Amino acid sequence: MDTKIIGGKIAKARKTMSLSQAQLAQHLFISPQAVGKWERGESMPDITTFSRLADILGVDLNYFSENLPDAAGDISSGKSPDTQPAAVVPLPAASQERQVRINLTAIDLQGSDFAGVVLHKGKFKASPLRGANFSGADMTGSTFDVADAREASFDGTNLTDCSFSVTDLTDASFHKSIVVGTSFSMSGQGAKFTEVNLIDARLNKTDLRKTIFENCVFHNVDFSHCDLRGCCFEGLTFTGVRFDKSALNDVSFKGATLRNVSFILPFSVTNKSYLAMKTVCFDGALMDKLTYTALKGLGVVDLSKVTII
C-alpha cells in the first residue's frame, strides 16, 4: 500500500468530520504525533486500528484502499501489468522534514491563526496573543511567558508539558484540551476548562477565581497556594490532588468524588484559616477514608452528608 495516499485519505476524512489530529488521537487512545505520521505517509495504522478509524471517520474500510495502484497495473496512467514501477528511493535521514525554530518572542500575534499547527517547544514570550486561535494544534513543550492570551482558544490543543507563566487567560477557552504535565501560573480570571482531563498538572500560586471547570477530571494535580475562592467543583473527580495552603472560601465540592486528596490550611492554627475552611461545602461528596479522616480532624468541616467509599 502507498502510505502517502492512505495518509491523504485519513487527513481528508478527518477534516470532513471536523476533527483535529489531537481529537482523533484521543478517540484512538494514541498520541497526536502518531496521527501526524500517518497523514505524512511516514507510517501506517495496523489492521485493527484501520477498523476503528473507519468507524470514527464514518467511512467504509474499502475507502482506504480505493484507487491504490496494484499488480493489475494503473489503467489511468497507461501502464500494463508487466510494467515495473520505478523504485522509490527514500530520502536520507538528514533530508526528512524537521521543525525549524521560529522566533515568536515579543511580536504582535493578536488574533493569529495557529489552528492545527505542529509546534513543539515553541516560545511565546511577551507576545500579545489576545484572541489567538490554537484549536487542534500540537504545542507540546511550548512556553507562554508574560503573555496576554485573553479570549484565546486552546480547544482540542495538545498542551502536554507546556508552561503558562504570568499569562493572562481571562475568558480563554480550553475545551477537550490535552493537559498532561502542564504548568499554569496565570493572572486574570474567567478561563473555562470543559471536558478536560488534567493529569500531572500544576496550578501553583495561581488566581483561579471565576475560572470554570465543567465535566473535568483531576489526576495528580497540584493546586497549592492558589486563590480558589468561590470556585465550583461540583460533581467532578479528584484523585491524588493537593489543595495545600490554598484559599478555599465558599468552594463547593457538592457531589464530587475525592480520593487521596490533601487539604492543608493556608495559615498556622488561626481562627481565620478555620473559618475559611468552614465555608467549604462537601454535601453529597464521595470520599476515601484517608481524605475523610484528615478533613474530620480539622474539626470545622461539615461532613454530615458525605459518603465514605
Protein backbone atom coordinates (compact mmCIF):
# COMPACT_ATOMS: atom_id res chain seq x y z
CA MET A 1 0.00 0.00 0.00
CA ASP A 2 1.09 3.56 -0.72
CA THR A 3 1.40 5.10 2.74
CA LYS A 4 1.23 8.68 1.40
CA ILE A 5 -2.05 8.06 -0.44
CA ILE A 6 -3.52 6.40 2.64
CA GLY A 7 -2.27 9.27 4.79
CA GLY A 8 -4.01 11.72 2.49
CA LYS A 9 -7.24 9.75 2.77
CA ILE A 10 -7.04 9.77 6.58
CA ALA A 11 -6.43 13.53 6.62
CA LYS A 12 -9.30 14.19 4.18
CA ALA A 13 -11.81 12.11 6.16
CA ARG A 14 -10.63 13.64 9.46
CA LYS A 15 -11.16 17.19 8.18
CA THR A 16 -14.57 16.24 6.77
CA MET A 17 -15.55 15.19 10.31
CA SER A 18 -14.11 18.50 11.66
CA LEU A 19 -11.68 16.63 13.90
CA SER A 20 -8.20 17.84 14.79
CA GLN A 21 -5.28 15.41 14.86
CA ALA A 22 -5.32 15.63 18.66
CA GLN A 23 -9.05 14.85 18.85
CA LEU A 24 -8.70 11.85 16.51
CA ALA A 25 -5.78 10.64 18.62
CA GLN A 26 -7.92 10.86 21.77
CA HIS A 27 -10.58 8.65 20.18
CA LEU A 28 -7.91 6.07 19.31
CA PHE A 29 -6.00 6.35 22.62
CA ILE A 30 -2.76 7.19 20.80
CA SER A 31 -0.56 10.27 20.53
CA PRO A 32 -1.30 13.13 18.09
CA GLN A 33 2.23 12.58 16.73
CA ALA A 34 1.20 9.11 15.54
CA VAL A 35 -1.72 10.56 13.58
CA GLY A 36 0.62 13.15 12.08
CA LYS A 37 3.00 10.41 10.90
CA TRP A 38 0.12 8.55 9.23
CA GLU A 39 -1.02 11.65 7.38
CA ARG A 40 2.52 12.46 6.23
CA GLY A 41 2.94 8.91 4.97
CA GLU A 42 5.72 8.09 7.42
CA SER A 43 3.85 5.14 8.94
CA MET A 44 0.54 3.32 8.67
CA PRO A 45 -2.11 2.04 11.13
CA ASP A 46 -2.38 -1.68 11.76
CA ILE A 47 -5.46 -3.57 10.55
CA THR A 48 -7.23 -3.33 13.91
CA THR A 49 -6.74 0.42 14.01
CA PHE A 50 -7.98 0.74 10.41
CA SER A 51 -11.28 -0.77 11.52
CA ARG A 52 -11.55 1.66 14.42
CA LEU A 53 -10.60 4.57 12.11
CA ALA A 54 -13.36 3.66 9.69
CA ASP A 55 -15.94 3.78 12.50
CA ILE A 56 -14.73 7.13 13.83
CA LEU A 57 -14.41 8.78 10.41
CA GLY A 58 -17.71 7.39 9.11
CA VAL A 59 -16.22 5.58 6.11
CA ASP A 60 -16.12 2.02 4.82
CA LEU A 61 -12.91 0.02 5.21
CA ASN A 62 -12.63 -0.08 1.41
CA TYR A 63 -12.24 3.72 1.47
CA PHE A 64 -8.60 3.33 2.45
CA SER A 65 -7.76 1.01 -0.45
CA GLU A 66 -9.77 2.62 -3.25
CA ASN A 67 -7.76 3.92 -6.22
CA LEU A 68 -4.50 2.47 -4.94
CA PRO A 69 -2.17 1.07 -7.68
CA ASP A 70 -1.72 -2.70 -7.56
CA ALA A 71 -0.32 -5.61 -9.52
CA ALA A 72 -3.10 -5.29 -12.14
CA GLY A 73 -1.50 -2.07 -13.32
CA ASP A 74 -2.60 1.55 -13.29
CA ILE A 75 -5.05 1.81 -16.20
CA SER A 76 -5.44 5.56 -15.87
CA SER A 77 -1.72 6.07 -16.46
CA GLY A 78 -1.50 3.61 -19.32
CA LYS A 79 0.81 1.15 -17.56
CA SER A 80 0.50 -2.52 -18.46
CA PRO A 81 0.57 -5.25 -15.79
CA ASP A 82 4.10 -6.13 -16.91
CA THR A 83 5.40 -2.62 -16.36
CA GLN A 84 7.63 -2.48 -13.33
CA PRO A 85 7.11 0.64 -11.21
CA ALA A 86 10.13 2.82 -10.61
CA ALA A 87 11.83 2.16 -7.32
CA VAL A 88 11.01 4.68 -4.62
CA VAL A 89 14.21 5.94 -3.08
CA PRO A 90 13.63 7.13 0.48
CA LEU A 91 15.06 10.46 1.47
CA PRO A 92 18.15 10.27 3.66
CA ALA A 93 17.50 10.98 7.30
CA ALA A 94 19.09 14.42 7.04
CA SER A 95 16.54 15.42 4.37
CA GLN A 96 13.42 14.46 6.32
CA GLU A 97 11.09 17.30 7.27
CA ARG A 98 12.12 18.84 10.55
CA GLN A 99 10.79 21.55 12.79
CA VAL A 100 12.58 24.83 12.17
CA ARG A 101 12.77 27.05 15.25
CA ILE A 102 10.62 30.12 14.60
CA ASN A 103 11.04 33.19 16.76
CA LEU A 104 7.66 34.20 18.20
CA THR A 105 9.03 36.34 21.02
CA ALA A 106 7.87 39.93 21.60
CA ILE A 107 5.84 40.20 18.39
CA ASP A 108 2.17 41.09 18.00
CA LEU A 109 0.22 37.86 17.49
CA GLN A 110 -3.24 39.08 18.43
CA GLY A 111 -5.93 37.16 16.55
CA SER A 112 -3.36 34.92 14.86
CA ASP A 113 -4.50 31.61 13.38
CA PHE A 114 -2.44 28.69 14.73
CA ALA A 115 -5.26 26.14 14.32
CA GLY A 116 -3.93 22.65 13.61
CA VAL A 117 -0.25 23.63 13.53
CA VAL A 118 2.52 21.48 14.97
CA LEU A 119 4.96 23.50 17.06
CA HIS A 120 7.00 21.67 19.69
CA LYS A 121 8.91 23.69 22.26
CA GLY A 122 7.64 26.95 20.85
CA LYS A 123 8.40 30.10 22.83
CA PHE A 124 5.81 32.84 23.20
CA LYS A 125 7.36 35.44 25.48
CA ALA A 126 5.96 38.95 25.94
CA SER A 127 3.86 38.41 22.78
CA PRO A 128 0.28 39.73 22.64
CA LEU A 129 -1.90 36.67 21.94
CA ARG A 130 -5.34 38.07 22.61
CA GLY A 131 -7.95 36.18 20.58
CA ALA A 132 -5.37 33.86 19.01
CA ASN A 133 -6.68 30.51 17.78
CA PHE A 134 -4.68 27.41 18.76
CA SER A 135 -7.58 24.98 18.19
CA GLY A 136 -6.41 21.44 17.43
CA ALA A 137 -2.75 22.47 17.42
CA ASP A 138 0.07 20.34 18.83
CA MET A 139 2.00 22.70 21.11
CA THR A 140 3.88 20.04 23.12
CA GLY A 141 6.59 21.52 25.33
CA SER A 142 5.80 25.14 24.43
CA THR A 143 6.10 28.06 26.85
CA PHE A 144 3.82 31.08 27.20
CA ASP A 145 5.62 33.65 29.36
CA VAL A 146 4.35 37.10 30.35
CA ALA A 147 1.72 36.91 27.63
CA ASP A 148 -1.70 38.46 27.12
CA ALA A 149 -3.79 35.47 25.96
CA ARG A 150 -7.21 36.82 26.82
CA GLU A 151 -10.03 35.23 24.79
CA ALA A 152 -7.57 32.83 23.13
CA SER A 153 -8.86 29.42 22.06
CA PHE A 154 -6.99 26.28 23.11
CA ASP A 155 -9.88 23.97 22.22
CA GLY A 156 -8.59 20.47 21.41
CA THR A 157 -5.00 21.71 21.70
CA ASN A 158 -2.24 19.32 22.81
CA LEU A 159 -0.69 21.21 25.74
CA THR A 160 1.44 18.34 27.05
CA ASP A 161 4.38 19.65 29.11
CA CYS A 162 3.50 23.26 28.28
CA SER A 163 4.12 26.13 30.67
CA PHE A 164 1.92 29.21 31.17
CA SER A 165 3.84 31.67 33.31
CA VAL A 166 2.36 35.05 34.29
CA THR A 167 -0.10 34.67 31.44
CA ASP A 168 -3.45 36.46 31.34
CA LEU A 169 -6.01 33.80 30.36
CA THR A 170 -9.15 35.81 31.05
CA ASP A 171 -12.01 34.24 29.04
CA ALA A 172 -9.62 31.81 27.32
CA SER A 173 -11.23 28.52 26.28
CA PHE A 174 -9.87 25.03 26.98
CA HIS A 175 -12.45 22.60 25.55
CA LYS A 176 -11.25 19.00 25.31
CA SER A 177 -7.65 20.23 25.55
CA ILE A 178 -4.89 17.72 26.32
CA VAL A 179 -3.49 18.89 29.67
CA VAL A 180 -0.73 16.49 30.75
CA GLY A 181 2.24 17.71 32.78
CA THR A 182 1.08 21.26 32.06
CA SER A 183 2.04 24.12 34.37
CA PHE A 184 -0.17 27.18 34.91
CA SER A 185 0.80 30.36 36.71
CA MET A 186 -1.72 32.74 35.30
CA SER A 187 -3.24 36.08 36.07
CA GLY A 188 -6.69 37.25 35.12
CA GLN A 189 -9.90 35.43 35.90
CA GLY A 190 -12.51 33.50 33.98
CA ALA A 191 -10.69 30.87 31.91
CA LYS A 192 -13.00 27.98 31.00
CA PHE A 193 -11.99 24.29 31.12
CA THR A 194 -14.66 21.93 29.75
CA GLU A 195 -14.39 18.16 29.25
CA VAL A 196 -10.68 18.22 30.13
CA ASN A 197 -8.69 15.52 31.91
CA LEU A 198 -5.98 17.34 33.85
CA ILE A 199 -3.17 14.86 34.50
CA ASP A 200 0.04 15.64 36.44
CA ALA A 201 -0.77 19.33 36.03
CA ARG A 202 0.46 22.12 38.31
CA LEU A 203 -1.57 25.23 39.11
CA ASN A 204 0.60 26.80 41.80
CA LYS A 205 0.25 30.32 43.19
CA THR A 206 -2.50 30.97 40.67
CA ASP A 207 -5.59 33.16 40.82
CA LEU A 208 -8.42 30.82 39.78
CA ARG A 209 -11.36 32.91 40.96
CA LYS A 210 -14.17 32.79 38.36
CA THR A 211 -12.33 30.03 36.49
CA ILE A 212 -14.88 27.48 35.24
CA PHE A 213 -14.31 23.73 35.42
CA GLU A 214 -17.06 21.62 33.79
CA ASN A 215 -17.01 17.83 33.25
CA CYS A 216 -13.32 17.73 34.21
CA VAL A 217 -11.24 15.01 35.86
CA PHE A 218 -8.20 15.84 38.02
CA HIS A 219 -5.46 13.21 38.44
CA ASN A 220 -2.26 14.07 40.34
CA VAL A 221 -2.97 17.80 40.12
CA ASP A 222 -1.33 20.34 42.43
CA PHE A 223 -3.44 23.39 43.43
CA SER A 224 -1.04 24.53 46.17
CA HIS A 225 -1.10 28.21 47.19
CA CYS A 226 -3.95 29.03 44.79
CA ASP A 227 -6.78 31.50 45.20
CA LEU A 228 -9.83 29.29 44.65
CA ARG A 229 -12.39 31.42 46.45
CA GLY A 230 -15.88 30.80 45.10
CA CYS A 231 -14.85 28.03 42.68
CA CYS A 232 -17.38 25.34 41.80
CA PHE A 233 -16.06 21.75 41.62
CA GLU A 234 -19.48 20.12 41.89
CA GLY A 235 -19.69 16.55 40.56
CA LEU A 236 -16.03 16.43 39.49
CA THR A 237 -13.48 13.70 40.24
CA PHE A 238 -10.22 14.28 42.11
CA THR A 239 -7.51 11.64 42.59
CA GLY A 240 -4.14 12.39 44.17
CA VAL A 241 -4.84 16.14 44.30
CA ARG A 242 -3.33 18.76 46.61
CA PHE A 243 -5.19 21.86 47.80
CA ASP A 244 -2.43 22.72 50.24
CA LYS A 245 -2.39 26.24 51.67
CA SER A 246 -4.95 27.47 49.13
CA ALA A 247 -7.76 29.96 49.76
CA LEU A 248 -10.94 27.85 49.66
CA ASN A 249 -13.60 30.25 50.95
CA ASP A 250 -17.05 29.25 49.66
CA VAL A 251 -15.71 26.50 47.37
CA SER A 252 -18.26 23.79 46.54
CA PHE A 253 -17.43 20.09 46.19
CA LYS A 254 -21.09 19.01 46.13
CA GLY A 255 -21.41 15.52 44.65
CA ALA A 256 -17.68 15.37 43.87
CA THR A 257 -15.52 12.27 44.25
CA LEU A 258 -12.30 12.71 46.24
CA ARG A 259 -9.64 10.05 46.62
CA ASN A 260 -6.29 10.74 48.27
CA VAL A 261 -6.92 14.49 48.37
CA SER A 262 -4.90 16.75 50.66
CA PHE A 263 -6.18 19.91 52.39
CA ILE A 264 -3.58 21.79 54.44
CA LEU A 265 -4.69 25.08 55.95
CA PRO A 266 -3.07 28.20 54.46
CA PHE A 267 -2.03 29.59 57.81
CA SER A 268 -0.76 28.25 61.07
CA VAL A 269 -3.51 27.44 63.56
CA THR A 270 -5.57 30.64 63.40
CA ASN A 271 -9.25 31.40 63.60
CA LYS A 272 -9.14 32.94 60.12
CA SER A 273 -7.99 29.73 58.40
CA TYR A 274 -10.52 27.59 60.27
CA LEU A 275 -13.38 29.96 59.49
CA ALA A 276 -12.46 29.88 55.79
CA MET A 277 -12.45 26.07 55.76
CA LYS A 278 -15.83 26.05 57.45
CA THR A 279 -17.39 27.66 54.35
CA VAL A 280 -16.37 24.77 52.05
CA CYS A 281 -19.32 22.56 51.04
CA PHE A 282 -18.92 18.77 50.71
CA ASP A 283 -22.63 17.82 50.65
CA GLY A 284 -23.20 14.60 48.70
CA ALA A 285 -19.48 14.05 48.09
CA LEU A 286 -17.82 10.63 47.96
CA MET A 287 -14.51 10.29 49.84
CA ASP A 288 -11.99 7.61 50.65
CA LYS A 289 -11.30 7.02 54.34
CA LEU A 290 -7.99 8.91 54.44
CA THR A 291 -9.36 12.08 52.90
CA TYR A 292 -12.43 11.92 55.16
CA THR A 293 -10.37 11.35 58.30
CA ALA A 294 -7.97 14.22 57.57
CA LEU A 295 -10.84 16.66 56.97
CA LYS A 296 -12.70 15.44 60.03
CA GLY A 297 -9.58 16.07 62.09
CA LEU A 298 -9.80 19.78 61.33
CA GLY A 299 -12.97 19.84 63.41
CA VAL A 300 -14.67 22.61 61.41
CA VAL A 301 -15.76 20.95 58.15
CA ASP A 302 -19.35 19.72 57.86
CA LEU A 303 -19.06 16.11 56.65
CA SER A 304 -22.53 15.01 57.71
CA LYS A 305 -23.69 14.46 54.13
CA VAL A 306 -20.52 12.74 52.87
CA THR A 307 -20.40 9.08 51.82
CA ILE A 308 -17.20 7.12 52.59
CA ILE A 309 -16.01 4.83 49.81
